[in-house]
N, C-alpha and C. Protein backbone atom coordinates (compact mmCIF):
# COMPACT_ATOMS: atom_id res chain seq x y z
N MET A 1 0.84 -1.11 0.15
CA MET A 1 0.21 0.03 0.06
C MET A 1 0.99 1.15 -0.12
N ASN A 2 0.35 2.32 -0.08
CA ASN A 2 1.41 3.66 -0.10
C ASN A 2 0.78 4.55 1.03
N TYR A 3 1.20 5.60 0.16
CA TYR A 3 0.94 6.67 1.65
C TYR A 3 -0.25 6.71 2.54
N LEU A 4 -1.10 7.21 1.43
CA LEU A 4 -2.43 7.63 2.19
C LEU A 4 -2.99 6.42 2.56
N ALA A 5 -3.66 5.24 2.03
CA ALA A 5 -3.96 4.06 2.94
C ALA A 5 -3.22 4.31 4.46
N HIS A 6 -1.61 4.08 4.08
CA HIS A 6 -0.84 3.45 5.44
C HIS A 6 -1.19 5.09 6.75
N LEU A 7 -1.72 6.12 6.51
CA LEU A 7 -2.17 6.60 6.98
C LEU A 7 -3.46 6.44 7.65
N GLN A 8 -4.46 6.40 6.51
CA GLN A 8 -5.46 5.73 7.20
C GLN A 8 -5.84 4.86 7.90
N LEU A 9 -5.06 3.75 7.80
CA LEU A 9 -4.77 2.64 8.55
C LEU A 9 -4.75 2.95 10.04
N ALA A 10 -3.31 3.60 10.13
CA ALA A 10 -2.41 4.00 11.24
C ALA A 10 -3.97 4.84 12.40
N ARG A 11 -4.66 5.37 11.52
CA ARG A 11 -5.60 5.76 12.32
C ARG A 11 -6.83 5.11 12.84
N VAL A 12 -7.18 4.15 12.24
CA VAL A 12 -8.40 2.85 12.14
C VAL A 12 -7.51 1.99 13.40
N SER A 13 -5.99 1.95 13.36
CA SER A 13 -5.68 0.52 14.10
C SER A 13 -4.77 1.40 15.19
N GLY A 14 -5.51 3.03 15.42
CA GLY A 14 -4.62 3.88 16.73
C GLY A 14 -3.52 3.74 17.10
N THR A 15 -2.56 3.86 15.92
CA THR A 15 -1.01 3.81 15.82
C THR A 15 -0.52 4.97 15.13
N SER A 16 0.88 5.25 15.20
CA SER A 16 1.31 6.02 14.61
C SER A 16 1.37 6.68 13.55
N PRO A 17 0.70 7.68 12.88
CA PRO A 17 0.96 8.18 11.40
C PRO A 17 2.05 8.44 11.28
N ALA A 18 3.10 8.81 11.74
CA ALA A 18 4.69 8.70 11.13
C ALA A 18 5.30 7.37 11.06
N GLY A 19 4.83 6.58 12.35
CA GLY A 19 5.40 5.15 12.51
C GLY A 19 5.22 4.31 11.20
N ASN A 20 4.06 4.33 10.20
CA ASN A 20 3.14 3.97 9.63
C ASN A 20 4.25 4.10 8.55
N LEU A 21 4.31 5.67 8.40
CA LEU A 21 4.96 5.71 6.65
C LEU A 21 5.97 5.50 7.04
N LEU A 22 7.23 5.30 7.94
CA LEU A 22 8.38 5.03 8.21
C LEU A 22 8.55 3.90 7.92
N GLY A 23 7.77 2.91 7.75
CA GLY A 23 7.98 1.27 7.18
C GLY A 23 8.97 1.27 5.71
N ASP A 24 8.91 2.05 5.07
CA ASP A 24 9.41 2.33 3.69
C ASP A 24 10.95 2.55 3.62
N PHE A 25 11.60 3.03 5.23
CA PHE A 25 12.53 3.69 4.90
C PHE A 25 13.53 3.40 5.97
N VAL A 26 12.85 2.25 7.06
CA VAL A 26 13.40 1.40 7.59
C VAL A 26 13.90 -0.06 7.10
N LYS A 27 14.76 -0.37 6.69
CA LYS A 27 15.30 -2.30 6.04
C LYS A 27 15.70 -2.72 7.10
N GLY A 28 15.62 -4.43 7.04
CA GLY A 28 16.17 -4.84 8.44
C GLY A 28 15.57 -5.20 9.51
N ALA A 29 16.28 -5.16 10.69
CA ALA A 29 15.92 -4.99 11.70
C ALA A 29 15.78 -3.83 12.39
N VAL A 30 14.93 -3.97 13.35
CA VAL A 30 14.02 -2.54 13.60
C VAL A 30 14.62 -2.31 15.24
N PRO A 31 15.90 -0.89 15.39
CA PRO A 31 16.41 -0.88 16.42
C PRO A 31 15.36 -1.28 17.94
N ASP A 32 16.46 -1.45 19.08
CA ASP A 32 15.88 -1.78 19.89
C ASP A 32 15.46 -0.40 20.97
N ASP A 33 15.96 1.00 20.52
CA ASP A 33 16.02 2.17 20.71
C ASP A 33 15.32 2.81 20.24
N LEU A 34 14.22 2.64 19.31
CA LEU A 34 13.56 3.27 18.69
C LEU A 34 12.51 3.63 19.61
N ALA A 35 11.45 4.55 19.56
CA ALA A 35 10.45 4.75 20.31
C ALA A 35 9.44 3.72 19.93
N CYS A 36 8.81 3.60 20.63
CA CYS A 36 7.75 2.48 21.01
C CYS A 36 6.52 2.47 19.71
N GLU A 37 6.39 3.85 20.15
CA GLU A 37 5.11 3.95 19.01
C GLU A 37 5.26 4.44 17.34
N LEU A 38 6.82 4.02 16.98
CA LEU A 38 7.70 4.27 15.67
C LEU A 38 7.54 2.58 15.28
N VAL A 39 8.04 1.51 16.97
CA VAL A 39 8.69 0.03 16.17
C VAL A 39 6.85 -0.20 15.88
N ILE A 40 5.77 0.15 16.48
CA ILE A 40 4.58 -0.51 16.95
C ILE A 40 3.94 -0.27 14.67
N GLY A 41 4.39 1.01 14.69
CA GLY A 41 4.27 1.40 13.47
C GLY A 41 5.04 1.33 12.11
N ILE A 42 6.21 0.61 12.36
CA ILE A 42 6.78 0.21 11.11
C ILE A 42 6.41 -1.24 10.97
N ARG A 43 6.26 -1.78 12.16
CA ARG A 43 6.05 -3.22 12.17
C ARG A 43 4.57 -3.71 11.40
N LEU A 44 3.72 -2.88 12.26
CA LEU A 44 2.11 -2.83 11.08
C LEU A 44 2.50 -2.48 9.26
N HIS A 45 3.36 -1.48 9.54
CA HIS A 45 3.28 -0.98 7.71
C HIS A 45 4.13 -2.51 7.68
N ARG A 46 4.99 -3.31 7.88
CA ARG A 46 5.11 -4.24 7.17
C ARG A 46 4.17 -5.55 7.18
N ARG A 47 3.29 -5.88 7.98
CA ARG A 47 2.71 -6.52 8.00
C ARG A 47 1.50 -6.54 6.67
N ILE A 48 1.29 -5.21 7.07
CA ILE A 48 0.06 -4.47 5.88
C ILE A 48 0.71 -4.73 4.56
N ASP A 49 1.96 -4.47 4.02
CA ASP A 49 2.40 -4.53 2.56
C ASP A 49 2.25 -5.81 2.39
N VAL A 50 3.02 -7.23 3.64
CA VAL A 50 2.90 -8.26 3.00
C VAL A 50 1.33 -9.19 2.41
N PHE A 51 0.78 -8.55 3.68
CA PHE A 51 -1.11 -9.01 3.46
C PHE A 51 -1.68 -8.82 2.35
N THR A 52 -1.29 -7.03 1.66
CA THR A 52 -1.59 -6.61 0.34
C THR A 52 -1.34 -7.50 -0.73
N ASP A 53 0.21 -7.80 -0.49
CA ASP A 53 1.23 -8.39 -1.33
C ASP A 53 0.66 -9.60 -2.35
N ALA A 54 0.20 -10.37 -1.07
CA ALA A 54 -0.24 -11.98 -1.20
C ALA A 54 -1.38 -11.82 -1.69
N HIS A 55 -2.41 -10.92 -1.11
CA HIS A 55 -4.01 -10.96 -1.50
C HIS A 55 -4.48 -11.03 -3.10
N PRO A 56 -5.01 -11.75 -3.29
CA PRO A 56 -5.43 -12.33 -4.49
C PRO A 56 -6.17 -10.99 -5.64
N GLU A 57 -6.84 -10.07 -4.57
CA GLU A 57 -7.42 -8.36 -5.56
C GLU A 57 -5.87 -8.12 -6.10
N HIS A 58 -5.14 -8.12 -5.28
CA HIS A 58 -3.79 -7.00 -5.43
C HIS A 58 -2.71 -8.06 -6.53
N ARG A 59 -3.05 -9.19 -6.66
CA ARG A 59 -2.42 -9.75 -7.36
C ARG A 59 -2.99 -9.77 -8.73
N ALA A 60 -4.43 -9.46 -8.63
CA ALA A 60 -5.33 -9.28 -10.21
C ALA A 60 -4.76 -8.08 -10.35
N VAL A 61 -4.65 -7.18 -9.77
CA VAL A 61 -4.49 -5.54 -10.63
C VAL A 61 -3.07 -6.02 -11.28
N VAL A 62 -1.84 -6.46 -10.41
CA VAL A 62 -0.29 -7.00 -11.06
C VAL A 62 -0.70 -7.41 -12.45
N ALA A 63 -1.19 -8.21 -12.10
CA ALA A 63 -1.36 -9.32 -13.74
C ALA A 63 -2.12 -8.62 -14.73
N SER A 64 -2.63 -7.04 -14.31
CA SER A 64 -3.67 -6.59 -15.71
C SER A 64 -2.59 -5.87 -16.23
N PHE A 65 -1.30 -6.06 -16.14
CA PHE A 65 -0.65 -5.22 -16.82
C PHE A 65 0.24 -5.86 -17.46
N GLN A 66 0.45 -5.48 -18.92
CA GLN A 66 1.31 -6.43 -19.53
C GLN A 66 2.72 -5.87 -19.85
N PRO A 67 3.59 -6.83 -20.03
CA PRO A 67 4.97 -6.04 -19.99
C PRO A 67 5.07 -5.08 -20.92
N PRO A 68 6.16 -4.00 -20.80
CA PRO A 68 7.52 -3.80 -19.75
C PRO A 68 6.75 -3.10 -18.33
N TRP A 69 4.89 -2.94 -18.54
CA TRP A 69 4.59 -2.68 -17.14
C TRP A 69 4.69 -3.32 -16.24
N ARG A 70 3.87 -4.85 -15.72
CA ARG A 70 4.67 -5.29 -15.08
C ARG A 70 5.49 -6.16 -14.28
N ARG A 71 6.29 -5.36 -14.53
CA ARG A 71 7.13 -5.54 -13.60
C ARG A 71 7.32 -4.31 -12.37
N PHE A 72 6.26 -3.02 -12.70
CA PHE A 72 6.54 -2.13 -12.25
C PHE A 72 4.71 -2.24 -10.93
N GLY A 73 4.14 -3.50 -11.34
CA GLY A 73 2.69 -3.80 -11.36
C GLY A 73 2.21 -3.44 -10.11
N GLY A 74 3.65 -3.87 -9.26
CA GLY A 74 3.57 -3.62 -7.72
C GLY A 74 2.94 -1.84 -7.08
N ILE A 75 3.90 -1.51 -7.58
CA ILE A 75 3.82 0.13 -7.34
C ILE A 75 2.81 0.54 -8.18
N LEU A 76 2.57 0.22 -9.39
CA LEU A 76 0.86 0.89 -10.17
C LEU A 76 -0.26 0.51 -9.18
N ALA A 77 -0.18 -0.38 -8.66
CA ALA A 77 -1.02 -1.29 -7.42
C ALA A 77 -1.31 -0.50 -6.82
N ASP A 78 -0.54 -0.19 -5.96
CA ASP A 78 -0.51 0.48 -5.14
C ASP A 78 -1.09 1.88 -5.16
N MET A 79 -0.75 2.69 -5.72
CA MET A 79 -0.97 3.91 -6.36
C MET A 79 -2.48 3.97 -6.53
N LEU A 80 -2.58 2.79 -7.09
CA LEU A 80 -3.96 2.86 -7.86
C LEU A 80 -5.04 2.82 -6.96
N TYR A 81 -4.70 1.85 -6.01
CA TYR A 81 -5.45 1.68 -4.46
C TYR A 81 -5.38 2.95 -3.86
N ASP A 82 -4.37 3.70 -3.50
CA ASP A 82 -4.98 5.06 -2.85
C ASP A 82 -5.44 6.01 -3.60
N HIS A 83 -6.03 5.79 -4.94
CA HIS A 83 -6.47 6.73 -6.27
C HIS A 83 -7.80 6.34 -5.48
N PHE A 84 -8.36 5.02 -5.49
CA PHE A 84 -9.49 4.68 -5.42
C PHE A 84 -9.98 4.97 -4.16
N LEU A 85 -9.00 4.60 -3.08
CA LEU A 85 -9.50 5.22 -1.60
C LEU A 85 -9.81 6.47 -1.87
N SER A 86 -9.23 7.51 -2.25
CA SER A 86 -9.97 9.24 -2.50
C SER A 86 -10.88 9.15 -2.86
N LEU A 87 -11.30 8.10 -4.20
CA LEU A 87 -12.66 8.34 -4.72
C LEU A 87 -13.23 8.18 -3.33
N HIS A 88 -13.28 6.77 -2.64
CA HIS A 88 -14.47 6.18 -1.86
C HIS A 88 -14.31 6.82 -0.41
N TRP A 89 -13.98 7.79 -0.11
CA TRP A 89 -12.78 8.05 1.33
C TRP A 89 -14.18 7.80 2.19
N SER A 90 -15.71 8.18 2.02
CA SER A 90 -16.27 8.05 3.00
C SER A 90 -17.06 7.24 3.26
N ARG A 91 -16.46 6.10 2.37
CA ARG A 91 -16.53 4.70 2.83
C ARG A 91 -16.13 4.23 3.73
N PHE A 92 -15.01 4.53 4.21
CA PHE A 92 -14.24 4.39 5.16
C PHE A 92 -13.74 5.18 5.87
N ASP A 93 -13.93 6.66 6.25
CA ASP A 93 -13.27 7.15 7.15
C ASP A 93 -14.58 8.27 7.27
N LEU A 94 -14.87 8.44 8.38
CA LEU A 94 -15.77 9.72 8.62
C LEU A 94 -15.83 11.15 9.16
N GLN A 95 -14.53 11.12 9.06
CA GLN A 95 -13.61 13.12 8.75
C GLN A 95 -13.63 13.09 7.22
N PRO A 96 -13.87 14.08 6.80
CA PRO A 96 -13.46 14.06 5.43
C PRO A 96 -12.01 14.41 5.01
N LEU A 97 -12.07 14.08 4.09
CA LEU A 97 -10.34 13.78 3.26
C LEU A 97 -9.40 15.29 3.51
N PRO A 98 -9.88 16.10 3.47
CA PRO A 98 -9.09 17.57 3.72
C PRO A 98 -8.81 17.64 4.93
N GLU A 99 -10.00 17.23 5.99
CA GLU A 99 -9.69 17.59 7.53
C GLU A 99 -8.17 16.60 8.15
N PHE A 100 -8.52 15.47 7.27
CA PHE A 100 -7.81 14.03 7.81
C PHE A 100 -6.49 14.69 7.18
N LEU A 101 -6.34 14.77 6.14
CA LEU A 101 -4.73 15.23 5.20
C LEU A 101 -3.98 16.59 6.34
N ASP A 102 -4.71 17.03 6.44
CA ASP A 102 -4.42 18.56 7.01
C ASP A 102 -4.21 18.01 8.72
N SER A 103 -4.89 17.28 9.61
CA SER A 103 -4.64 16.80 10.92
C SER A 103 -3.18 16.18 10.48
N SER A 104 -3.29 15.02 9.28
CA SER A 104 -2.24 13.93 9.92
C SER A 104 -0.58 14.65 9.55
N TYR A 105 -0.88 15.85 8.67
CA TYR A 105 0.47 16.36 8.21
C TYR A 105 1.05 17.28 9.32
N ALA A 106 -0.06 17.47 9.68
CA ALA A 106 0.30 18.45 10.89
C ALA A 106 1.11 17.25 12.22
N VAL A 107 0.66 16.47 12.50
CA VAL A 107 1.04 15.21 13.72
C VAL A 107 2.70 14.79 13.00
N ILE A 108 2.40 14.68 12.10
CA ILE A 108 3.88 14.00 11.12
C ILE A 108 5.11 15.00 11.18
N LEU A 109 4.91 16.54 10.67
CA LEU A 109 5.54 17.37 10.43
C LEU A 109 5.83 17.90 11.94
N GLY A 110 4.84 17.88 13.12
CA GLY A 110 5.15 18.32 14.44
C GLY A 110 5.59 17.20 15.50
N GLY A 111 5.88 16.11 15.09
CA GLY A 111 6.28 14.58 15.89
C GLY A 111 7.83 14.56 15.94
N GLU A 112 8.27 13.86 17.02
CA GLU A 112 9.93 13.84 16.93
C GLU A 112 9.90 12.60 16.60
N VAL A 113 10.97 12.13 15.07
CA VAL A 113 10.88 11.57 14.53
C VAL A 113 12.64 11.57 14.67
N HIS A 114 12.95 10.56 15.29
CA HIS A 114 14.66 11.02 15.16
C HIS A 114 15.59 9.31 15.81
N HIS A 115 16.69 9.14 15.03
CA HIS A 115 17.56 8.27 15.87
C HIS A 115 18.96 8.30 15.07
N PRO A 116 20.10 8.32 15.64
CA PRO A 116 21.30 8.21 15.48
C PRO A 116 21.27 7.77 14.02
N ALA A 117 20.89 6.33 14.37
CA ALA A 117 21.20 5.71 13.00
C ALA A 117 20.40 5.75 12.00
N LEU A 118 19.02 5.45 11.84
CA LEU A 118 18.05 5.37 11.16
C LEU A 118 17.94 7.07 10.82
N PHE A 119 17.79 8.19 11.79
CA PHE A 119 17.13 8.95 11.20
C PHE A 119 17.92 10.16 11.77
N PRO A 120 19.17 10.29 11.18
CA PRO A 120 19.72 11.61 12.40
C PRO A 120 19.38 13.13 11.68
N ASP A 121 18.69 12.87 10.41
CA ASP A 121 18.23 14.53 10.27
C ASP A 121 16.84 14.44 10.65
N GLY A 122 16.16 13.60 11.21
CA GLY A 122 14.82 13.44 11.52
C GLY A 122 13.94 12.80 11.03
N LEU A 123 12.52 13.54 10.24
CA LEU A 123 11.71 13.26 9.52
C LEU A 123 12.37 12.66 7.96
N PRO A 124 12.36 11.41 7.20
CA PRO A 124 12.63 11.63 6.21
C PRO A 124 12.26 12.36 5.33
N ARG A 125 13.00 13.03 4.50
CA ARG A 125 13.13 13.81 3.70
C ARG A 125 11.66 13.85 2.81
N PRO A 126 11.55 12.54 1.96
CA PRO A 126 10.22 12.43 0.99
C PRO A 126 9.13 12.65 2.13
N LEU A 127 9.00 11.99 3.07
CA LEU A 127 8.01 12.51 4.18
C LEU A 127 7.83 13.92 4.53
N ARG A 128 8.62 14.83 4.37
CA ARG A 128 8.37 15.74 4.92
C ARG A 128 7.63 17.00 3.59
N ARG A 129 8.16 16.14 2.42
CA ARG A 129 8.01 17.26 1.40
C ARG A 129 6.70 16.76 0.68
N MET A 130 6.02 15.18 1.12
CA MET A 130 4.77 14.94 1.20
C MET A 130 4.26 15.81 1.63
N ALA A 131 4.41 16.03 3.04
CA ALA A 131 3.17 16.87 4.28
C ALA A 131 3.24 18.21 3.70
N GLU A 132 4.78 18.51 3.25
CA GLU A 132 4.09 20.63 3.26
C GLU A 132 3.93 20.48 2.01
N GLN A 133 4.15 19.56 0.71
CA GLN A 133 3.37 20.40 -0.39
C GLN A 133 2.25 19.76 -0.63
N ASP A 134 1.63 18.69 0.36
CA ASP A 134 0.00 17.98 0.21
C ASP A 134 -0.24 17.28 -1.33
N TRP A 135 1.33 16.18 -1.21
CA TRP A 135 0.75 15.22 -2.20
C TRP A 135 -0.57 14.56 -2.62
N LEU A 136 -0.84 13.99 -1.37
CA LEU A 136 -1.81 13.14 -1.28
C LEU A 136 -3.13 13.29 -1.44
N SER A 137 -3.52 14.88 -1.71
CA SER A 137 -4.65 15.69 -2.23
C SER A 137 -4.73 15.22 -3.68
N THR A 138 -3.99 15.04 -4.42
CA THR A 138 -3.91 15.00 -5.74
C THR A 138 -4.26 13.78 -5.84
N TYR A 139 -4.43 12.75 -5.49
CA TYR A 139 -4.35 11.26 -6.08
C TYR A 139 -5.32 10.92 -6.39
N ALA A 140 -6.67 11.58 -5.74
CA ALA A 140 -8.14 11.20 -6.62
C ALA A 140 -8.51 11.96 -8.15
N ARG A 141 -7.14 12.39 -8.29
CA ARG A 141 -7.48 13.03 -9.95
C ARG A 141 -6.37 12.30 -10.62
N ILE A 142 -6.66 12.07 -12.17
CA ILE A 142 -6.00 10.78 -13.23
C ILE A 142 -4.56 11.45 -13.16
N ASP A 143 -4.91 13.22 -13.27
CA ASP A 143 -3.40 14.11 -13.68
C ASP A 143 -2.78 13.88 -12.50
N GLY A 144 -3.28 13.72 -11.05
CA GLY A 144 -2.19 13.88 -10.13
C GLY A 144 -1.60 12.47 -9.99
N LEU A 145 -2.76 11.49 -10.12
CA LEU A 145 -2.10 9.77 -10.18
C LEU A 145 -0.64 10.19 -11.05
N ARG A 146 -0.94 10.16 -12.13
CA ARG A 146 0.16 10.23 -13.26
C ARG A 146 1.31 11.10 -12.57
N GLN A 147 1.41 12.18 -12.52
CA GLN A 147 2.29 13.02 -11.83
C GLN A 147 3.15 12.03 -10.84
N ALA A 148 2.19 11.36 -9.55
CA ALA A 148 2.76 11.46 -8.22
C ALA A 148 3.98 9.75 -9.15
N LEU A 149 2.98 8.72 -10.12
CA LEU A 149 3.77 7.83 -10.82
C LEU A 149 5.04 8.43 -11.21
N ASP A 150 5.23 9.44 -12.00
CA ASP A 150 6.33 9.78 -12.43
C ASP A 150 7.17 10.51 -11.82
N GLY A 151 6.68 10.77 -10.77
CA GLY A 151 7.64 10.68 -9.46
C GLY A 151 8.27 10.00 -8.99
N ILE A 152 7.53 9.06 -9.16
CA ILE A 152 8.29 7.92 -8.66
C ILE A 152 9.06 6.94 -9.60
N GLY A 153 8.81 7.19 -10.53
CA GLY A 153 9.45 6.31 -11.75
C GLY A 153 11.02 7.34 -12.03
N ARG A 154 11.36 8.62 -11.87
CA ARG A 154 12.47 9.82 -11.77
C ARG A 154 13.40 8.79 -10.94
N ARG A 155 12.67 8.36 -9.69
CA ARG A 155 13.42 7.91 -8.69
C ARG A 155 14.31 6.11 -8.54
N LEU A 156 13.52 5.74 -9.69
CA LEU A 156 14.05 4.23 -9.77
C LEU A 156 15.52 3.98 -10.86
N ARG A 157 15.92 3.41 -10.48
CA ARG A 157 17.55 3.01 -11.21
C ARG A 157 17.27 3.20 -12.31
N ARG A 158 16.53 2.50 -13.34
CA ARG A 158 16.66 3.44 -14.52
C ARG A 158 15.25 4.14 -14.54
N PRO A 159 15.36 5.43 -14.77
CA PRO A 159 14.13 6.57 -14.66
C PRO A 159 13.26 5.76 -15.86
N ILE A 160 12.03 5.85 -15.29
CA ILE A 160 10.85 5.98 -16.87
C ILE A 160 9.63 6.39 -16.10
N PRO A 161 9.32 7.45 -17.53
CA PRO A 161 7.70 7.77 -17.19
C PRO A 161 6.64 6.55 -16.52
N LEU A 162 6.73 6.36 -15.36
CA LEU A 162 5.84 5.28 -15.01
C LEU A 162 4.22 5.45 -14.69
N GLY A 163 3.89 6.70 -15.31
CA GLY A 163 2.44 7.58 -15.47
C GLY A 163 2.18 7.04 -16.57
N ASP A 164 3.14 6.51 -17.47
CA ASP A 164 2.44 5.85 -18.59
C ASP A 164 1.99 4.65 -18.71
N GLY A 165 2.24 3.84 -17.31
CA GLY A 165 1.58 2.21 -17.22
C GLY A 165 0.04 2.90 -17.19
N LEU A 166 -0.62 3.82 -16.52
CA LEU A 166 -1.74 3.79 -16.42
C LEU A 166 -2.63 3.65 -18.40
N ASP A 167 -1.95 4.14 -19.04
CA ASP A 167 -2.37 3.85 -20.07
C ASP A 167 -2.60 2.39 -20.72
N ALA A 168 -1.98 1.72 -20.25
CA ALA A 168 -1.89 0.09 -20.57
C ALA A 168 -3.14 -0.58 -20.20
N LEU A 169 -4.10 0.25 -19.14
CA LEU A 169 -5.23 -0.28 -19.05
C LEU A 169 -6.52 0.41 -20.08
N ASP A 170 -7.38 -0.84 -20.22
CA ASP A 170 -8.56 0.00 -20.45
C ASP A 170 -10.02 0.19 -19.92
N GLY A 171 -10.98 0.77 -20.45
CA GLY A 171 -12.06 1.08 -19.53
C GLY A 171 -12.74 -0.52 -18.36
N ARG A 172 -12.14 -1.31 -18.83
CA ARG A 172 -12.89 -2.52 -18.32
C ARG A 172 -12.03 -2.86 -17.00
N GLN A 173 -10.68 -2.39 -16.92
CA GLN A 173 -9.64 -3.14 -16.73
C GLN A 173 -9.74 -1.96 -15.18
N TRP A 174 -9.92 -0.45 -15.46
CA TRP A 174 -10.31 0.04 -14.29
C TRP A 174 -10.93 -0.12 -13.69
N ALA A 175 -12.44 -0.27 -14.61
CA ALA A 175 -13.67 -1.05 -13.27
C ALA A 175 -13.55 -1.77 -12.45
N ALA A 176 -12.76 -3.03 -13.42
CA ALA A 176 -12.66 -4.15 -12.10
C ALA A 176 -11.88 -3.84 -11.20
N ILE A 177 -10.75 -2.78 -11.25
CA ILE A 177 -9.38 -2.85 -10.21
C ILE A 177 -10.70 -2.05 -9.27
N GLU A 178 -11.26 -1.62 -9.78
CA GLU A 178 -12.06 -0.14 -8.53
C GLU A 178 -12.90 -1.39 -7.85
N GLU A 179 -13.62 -2.17 -8.21
CA GLU A 179 -14.77 -3.30 -8.00
C GLU A 179 -13.27 -4.31 -6.96
N GLY A 180 -12.40 -4.62 -7.44
CA GLY A 180 -11.51 -5.10 -6.41
C GLY A 180 -11.64 -4.51 -5.44
N PHE A 181 -10.93 -3.44 -4.98
CA PHE A 181 -10.01 -2.52 -4.12
C PHE A 181 -11.34 -2.27 -3.27
N LEU A 182 -12.62 -2.41 -3.76
CA LEU A 182 -14.17 -1.98 -2.40
C LEU A 182 -14.05 -3.63 -2.07
N ARG A 183 -13.47 -4.54 -2.55
CA ARG A 183 -14.07 -5.58 -1.79
C ARG A 183 -13.18 -5.85 -0.61
N PHE A 184 -11.31 -5.57 -0.91
CA PHE A 184 -10.36 -5.52 -0.22
C PHE A 184 -9.55 -4.92 0.64
N TYR A 185 -9.97 -3.80 0.49
CA TYR A 185 -10.04 -2.54 1.65
C TYR A 185 -10.75 -2.78 2.60
N PRO A 186 -12.28 -3.07 2.64
CA PRO A 186 -12.48 -3.60 4.25
C PRO A 186 -11.93 -4.60 5.27
N GLN A 187 -10.93 -5.70 4.67
CA GLN A 187 -10.86 -6.83 5.11
C GLN A 187 -9.02 -6.26 5.66
N LEU A 188 -8.56 -4.89 4.62
CA LEU A 188 -7.41 -4.67 5.19
C LEU A 188 -7.90 -3.93 6.54
N ILE A 189 -8.55 -3.14 6.56
CA ILE A 189 -8.89 -2.70 7.77
C ILE A 189 -8.84 -3.65 9.08
N ALA A 190 -9.68 -4.46 8.63
CA ALA A 190 -10.27 -5.43 10.01
C ALA A 190 -8.34 -6.39 9.96
N PHE A 191 -7.45 -6.55 9.04
CA PHE A 191 -6.62 -7.31 9.37
C PHE A 191 -5.44 -5.78 10.08
N ALA A 192 -5.49 -4.93 9.69
CA ALA A 192 -4.35 -3.99 10.60
C ALA A 192 -5.04 -3.88 11.55
N ALA A 193 -6.21 -3.60 12.32
CA ALA A 193 -6.29 -3.36 13.37
C ALA A 193 -6.46 -4.51 14.18
N ALA A 194 -5.99 -5.95 13.89
CA ALA A 194 -6.03 -7.16 14.56
C ALA A 194 -4.77 -6.79 14.36
N GLU A 195 -3.93 -6.74 13.99
CA GLU A 195 -2.17 -6.93 13.99
C GLU A 195 -2.12 -5.68 14.86
N ALA A 196 -2.64 -4.96 15.00
CA ALA A 196 -2.02 -3.53 15.94
C ALA A 196 -1.85 -4.03 17.47
N ILE A 197 -2.97 -4.70 17.69
CA ILE A 197 -3.25 -5.26 19.00
C ILE A 197 -2.26 -6.31 19.17
N THR A 198 -1.61 -7.45 18.14
CA THR A 198 -0.95 -7.82 18.26
C THR A 198 0.61 -7.66 18.00
N ILE A 199 1.17 -6.85 17.73
CA ILE A 199 2.06 -6.52 17.49
C ILE A 199 2.27 -5.52 19.12
N SER A 200 1.80 -4.43 19.56
CA SER A 200 1.56 -4.01 20.33
C SER A 200 1.63 -5.21 22.11
N ALA A 201 1.04 -6.05 22.23
CA ALA A 201 0.99 -6.94 23.29
C ALA A 201 2.33 -7.82 23.12
N SER A 202 2.96 -7.66 21.82
CA SER A 202 4.31 -8.67 21.79
C SER A 202 5.38 -7.68 22.09
N LEU A 203 4.93 -6.31 21.63
CA LEU A 203 6.28 -5.60 21.71
C LEU A 203 6.00 -5.25 24.12
N ALA A 204 5.14 -5.40 24.19
CA ALA A 204 4.58 -5.05 25.33
C ALA A 204 5.62 -6.19 26.50
N GLN A 205 6.21 -6.87 25.89
CA GLN A 205 6.31 -8.23 26.57
C GLN A 205 8.30 -7.79 26.84
N GLN A 206 8.65 -6.85 25.76
CA GLN A 206 9.95 -6.65 25.31
C GLN A 206 10.10 -5.19 26.14
N ARG A 207 9.01 -4.47 26.31
CA ARG A 207 9.06 -2.98 26.95
C ARG A 207 8.41 -2.52 27.79
N VAL A 208 7.94 -1.74 28.88
CA VAL A 208 6.97 -1.30 29.62
C VAL A 208 6.32 0.08 28.52
N LEU A 209 5.13 -0.48 27.92
CA LEU A 209 4.38 0.35 26.79
C LEU A 209 3.51 1.66 27.58
N PRO A 210 3.09 2.38 27.17
CA PRO A 210 1.88 3.28 27.72
C PRO A 210 1.00 2.70 27.67
N ASP A 211 -0.02 3.20 28.47
CA ASP A 211 -1.34 2.30 28.51
C ASP A 211 -2.31 2.43 27.12
N ARG A 212 -2.17 3.44 26.51
CA ARG A 212 -2.60 3.54 25.22
C ARG A 212 -2.18 2.36 23.97
N PHE A 213 -0.97 2.11 24.27
CA PHE A 213 -0.65 0.68 23.57
C PHE A 213 -0.94 -0.19 23.58
N LEU A 214 -2.00 -0.83 25.00
CA LEU A 214 -1.79 -1.62 25.43
C LEU A 214 -3.48 -2.28 25.58
């Protein structure tokens, strides 16, 4: 899943918005001295990604892309899911999307994300730019989605106009992906909420957590 979904899943699971986004920036073992709320968020992010990548609906989206786009199918699928989450936001969250984004950005930018090895400069620059420039509000528009994909494509080892991958889908495929997302996302919400409890309980055996995580 991409940024918008991870933020919304942080909300429904009662976990750290920043922690859930940091999962893309921490590889390997999570240090023992990282703040508890960030550890929970990172671990939840990883489990959400594993669940999503293995899910038949997500696999079907990836399979919708023919070469050469299929190798980027996971990225395209995740961004399409953020697009459809934007379009159907009111089905999954009571707070209007603009208000949700404003409050999420404020929490992310105002939090204390720091670790001498992982985050010596604080919040990773892509996350800071995302919040300061309000990237996520553009995902509901096709041109905004295309622009976001092109930005990802420029950061690949061999840069490509990744937004062009959207042109590989016909109307029938767009409709099928949207319908599949609407079947899949409620399952993901339930999964994230349950996993947050499991992760918090496991971490509580290793550390003394604040009551809100127990």
